[in-house]
Protein backbone atom coordinates (compact mmCIF):
# COMPACT_ATOMS: atom_id res chain seq x y z
CA UNK A 1 99.57 96.57 116.94
CA UNK A 2 101.19 95.21 113.78
CA UNK A 3 102.94 92.45 115.69
CA UNK A 4 99.83 91.49 117.60
CA UNK A 5 97.66 91.44 114.46
CA UNK A 6 100.17 89.20 112.65
CA UNK A 7 100.41 86.88 115.64
CA UNK A 8 96.63 86.50 115.81
CA UNK A 9 96.22 85.90 112.10
CA UNK A 10 99.06 83.43 111.90
CA UNK A 11 97.53 81.34 114.74
CA UNK A 12 94.32 81.08 112.71
CA UNK A 13 96.15 80.25 109.51
CA UNK A 14 98.46 77.70 111.19
CA UNK A 15 95.35 75.79 112.36
CA UNK A 16 94.23 75.67 108.75
CA UNK A 17 97.68 74.86 107.39
CA UNK A 18 97.68 78.10 105.36
CA UNK A 19 100.51 80.49 104.59
CA UNK A 20 100.27 84.25 105.03
CA UNK A 21 101.25 86.80 102.40
CA UNK A 22 101.27 90.25 103.94
CA UNK A 23 100.09 93.04 101.60
CA UNK A 24 102.69 95.77 101.99
CA UNK A 25 102.20 97.63 98.68
CA UNK A 26 100.48 100.56 100.46
CA UNK A 27 102.79 100.63 103.47
CA UNK A 28 105.86 102.72 104.17
CA UNK A 29 109.29 101.22 104.72
CA UNK A 30 109.05 101.41 108.54
CA UNK A 31 105.74 99.56 108.77
CA UNK A 32 106.87 96.99 106.23
CA UNK A 33 110.04 96.32 108.12
CA UNK A 34 108.03 96.03 111.35
CA UNK A 35 105.77 93.44 109.79
CA UNK A 36 108.77 91.40 108.57
CA UNK A 37 110.44 91.58 111.97
CA UNK A 38 107.23 90.23 113.50
CA UNK A 39 106.70 87.21 111.29
CA UNK A 40 105.67 88.48 107.87
CA UNK A 41 107.96 86.08 105.95
CA UNK A 42 106.27 86.84 102.61
CA UNK A 43 105.39 90.36 101.48
CA UNK A 44 103.33 91.46 98.49
CA UNK A 45 104.25 94.36 96.22
CA UNK A 46 102.67 95.21 92.86
CA UNK A 47 104.30 98.25 91.39
CA UNK A 48 107.73 97.15 90.16
CA UNK A 49 109.53 100.42 90.59
CA UNK A 50 108.21 100.83 94.13
CA UNK A 51 109.16 97.24 94.91
CA UNK A 52 112.77 97.78 93.64
CA UNK A 53 113.24 100.81 95.95
CA UNK A 54 111.61 99.17 98.97
CA UNK A 55 113.60 95.94 98.52
CA UNK A 56 116.87 97.87 98.32
CA UNK A 57 116.12 99.53 101.69
CA UNK A 58 114.86 96.32 103.31
CA UNK A 59 117.93 94.42 102.25
CA UNK A 60 120.08 97.02 103.94
CA UNK A 61 118.43 95.99 107.18
CA UNK A 62 119.40 92.35 106.65
CA UNK A 63 115.79 91.18 106.99
CA UNK A 64 114.75 87.64 106.08
CA UNK A 65 111.70 87.65 103.80
CA UNK A 66 110.44 86.67 100.38
CA UNK A 67 109.00 89.12 97.90
CA UNK A 68 106.00 88.19 95.79
CA UNK A 69 104.82 90.32 92.88
CA UNK A 70 101.03 90.39 92.57
CA UNK A 71 98.97 92.40 90.17
CA UNK A 72 98.83 92.75 86.42
CA UNK A 73 102.38 92.65 85.12
CA UNK A 74 103.23 94.26 81.82
CA UNK A 75 105.71 92.39 79.62
CA UNK A 76 108.14 95.37 79.65
CA UNK A 77 108.45 94.99 83.44
CA UNK A 78 109.23 91.26 83.22
CA UNK A 79 113.03 91.69 83.38
CA UNK A 80 113.00 93.64 86.58
CA UNK A 81 110.28 91.47 88.12
CA UNK A 82 112.40 88.37 87.59
CA UNK A 83 115.40 90.02 89.06
CA UNK A 84 113.78 91.06 92.40
CA UNK A 85 110.96 88.54 93.00
CA UNK A 86 110.90 85.16 94.67
CA UNK A 87 107.54 84.51 93.07
CA UNK A 88 105.27 86.19 90.54
CA UNK A 89 101.74 85.52 91.64
CA UNK A 90 99.69 86.90 88.79
CA UNK A 91 100.76 85.45 85.49
CA UNK A 92 97.65 85.85 83.33
CA UNK A 93 98.83 84.63 79.92
CA UNK A 94 101.23 82.21 78.27
CA UNK A 95 102.80 85.16 76.49
CA UNK A 96 103.83 86.67 79.87
CA UNK A 97 105.02 83.27 81.21
CA UNK A 98 107.22 82.85 78.15
CA UNK A 99 108.66 86.33 78.59
CA UNK A 100 109.44 85.64 82.28
CA UNK A 101 111.13 82.41 81.22
CA UNK A 102 113.42 84.17 78.76
CA UNK A 103 114.40 86.79 81.30
CA UNK A 104 115.04 84.19 83.98
CA UNK A 105 117.22 82.18 81.63
CA UNK A 106 119.45 85.23 81.04
CA UNK A 107 120.34 85.43 84.70
CA UNK A 108 120.43 81.65 85.41
CA UNK A 109 117.42 81.88 87.70
CA UNK A 110 114.38 79.66 88.20
CA UNK A 111 111.26 81.72 88.93
CA UNK A 112 108.20 80.41 90.70
CA UNK A 113 104.94 81.55 89.20
CA UNK A 114 101.25 81.27 89.84
CA UNK A 115 98.66 81.34 87.08
CA UNK A 116 95.85 83.80 87.69
CA UNK A 117 92.41 82.64 86.69
CA UNK A 118 89.42 84.82 86.01
CA UNK A 119 86.66 82.60 87.33
CA UNK A 120 84.26 85.43 87.93
CA UNK A 121 84.30 86.17 84.17
CA UNK A 122 84.38 89.91 84.88
CA UNK A 123 85.76 91.97 82.01
CA UNK A 124 87.56 94.39 84.33
CA UNK A 125 89.65 91.56 85.90
CA UNK A 126 92.74 89.99 84.35
CA UNK A 127 93.20 86.25 84.25
CA UNK A 128 93.05 83.09 82.18
CA UNK A 129 89.68 81.63 81.24
CA UNK A 130 88.90 78.27 82.73
CA UNK A 131 88.50 76.63 79.36
CA UNK A 132 92.01 77.79 78.30
CA UNK A 133 93.72 76.62 81.53
CA UNK A 134 94.67 73.00 80.64
CA UNK A 135 96.30 74.00 77.35
CA UNK A 136 98.24 76.82 78.97
CA UNK A 137 99.44 74.60 81.79
CA UNK A 138 100.84 72.09 79.28
CA UNK A 139 102.74 74.80 77.48
CA UNK A 140 104.00 76.54 80.69
CA UNK A 141 105.31 73.27 82.06
CA UNK A 142 107.67 73.01 79.05
CA UNK A 143 109.33 76.33 79.88
CA UNK A 144 112.82 75.63 81.23
CA UNK A 145 113.26 78.34 83.82
CA UNK A 146 109.71 78.58 85.05
CA UNK A 147 108.35 76.53 87.93
CA UNK A 148 104.54 76.46 87.94
CA UNK A 149 103.49 75.85 91.54
CA UNK A 150 100.05 77.29 92.08
CA UNK A 151 96.83 78.70 90.82
CA UNK A 152 95.32 82.00 92.08
CA UNK A 153 92.00 83.71 91.71
CA UNK A 154 90.00 86.55 93.15
CA UNK A 155 86.51 86.36 94.53
CA UNK A 156 83.56 88.45 93.55
CA UNK A 157 83.54 91.64 95.55
CA UNK A 158 80.93 91.71 98.36
CA UNK A 159 79.22 88.55 97.15
CA UNK A 160 79.92 85.88 99.70
CA UNK A 161 77.92 83.08 98.08
CA UNK A 162 79.38 83.58 94.65
CA UNK A 163 82.89 83.90 96.08
CA UNK A 164 82.57 80.59 97.89
CA UNK A 165 81.54 78.94 94.63
CA UNK A 166 84.53 80.40 92.84
CA UNK A 167 86.98 79.36 95.54
CA UNK A 168 85.61 75.80 95.62
CA UNK A 169 86.05 75.58 91.88
CA UNK A 170 89.63 76.79 92.18
CA UNK A 171 90.36 74.13 94.76
CA UNK A 172 89.12 71.43 92.41
CA UNK A 173 91.25 72.78 89.58
CA UNK A 174 94.37 72.81 91.79
CA UNK A 175 93.72 69.19 92.85
CA UNK A 176 93.11 68.14 89.25
CA UNK A 177 96.38 69.66 87.97
CA UNK A 178 98.39 68.24 90.96
CA UNK A 179 99.65 71.65 91.99
CA UNK A 180 100.84 72.51 95.49
CA UNK A 181 99.18 75.78 96.45
CA UNK A 182 95.72 77.14 96.11
CA UNK A 183 96.00 80.89 96.57
CA UNK A 184 92.90 83.01 97.12
CA UNK A 185 92.13 86.68 97.67
CA UNK A 186 92.47 88.85 100.68
CA UNK A 187 91.24 90.48 103.84
CA UNK A 188 87.45 90.59 103.43
CA UNK A 189 87.11 87.05 102.13
CA UNK A 190 90.06 85.15 103.62
CA UNK A 191 87.87 83.12 106.02
CA UNK A 192 85.79 81.98 103.04
CA UNK A 193 89.03 81.05 101.30
CA UNK A 194 90.19 78.97 104.25
CA UNK A 195 86.88 77.11 104.34
CA UNK A 196 87.29 76.27 100.70
CA UNK A 197 90.75 74.84 101.10
CA UNK A 198 93.09 77.74 100.32
CA UNK A 199 96.60 77.28 101.73
CA UNK A 200 97.75 80.74 100.93
CA UNK A 201 95.91 83.97 101.71
CA UNK A 202 96.83 87.63 101.29
CA UNK A 203 95.96 90.08 104.05
CA UNK A 204 96.76 93.75 104.42
CA UNK A 205 94.23 96.00 106.14
CA UNK A 206 93.56 93.57 108.95
CA UNK A 207 97.24 93.86 109.84
CA UNK A 208 98.01 97.49 109.28
CA UNK A 209 94.71 99.26 109.92
CA UNK A 210 93.10 97.37 112.76
CA UNK A 211 93.95 98.68 116.24
């Protein structure tokens, strides 16, 4: 059913001009490979050590995919993240962006990043405050080996109305900063994200759990 689920979701996303990131961080190698073989061109991992092991095995299969790192990234994991990732989707401070830039410079690599915002203002969530965003964007754009493409945020769990407001705000911020991608959260609220103009959504359980 993995292939059918991906096919159905991609049809919906294509009609909304949105890109799919498949959440594989909870999946075994076999199911991850199956997803890639059936159209999951971007996969999401969060734990660096697990991602390293999985990438090594996937690359042995000569699969064509991009690896995005999402989730709070500690500075001491920046070196390995830069080495394995095509994009780091959860940069939540200038300090981390600067560290990634230094590590990318060492290996002559340009790394795409996404700044994570905390628009819900929840203490338990990581992310840049809205009032700090403009200053951080100016500083990040001066980093030589970092390419700032996108903004990302999460909605408020199980609060559809508040999540819609947050996603609409993110869309406005993306347009204001002339960025390319507006990336919003995942399975339970991806339809809200599409309504609010997201052109990248992250989905896991709807692909791997639904029969």
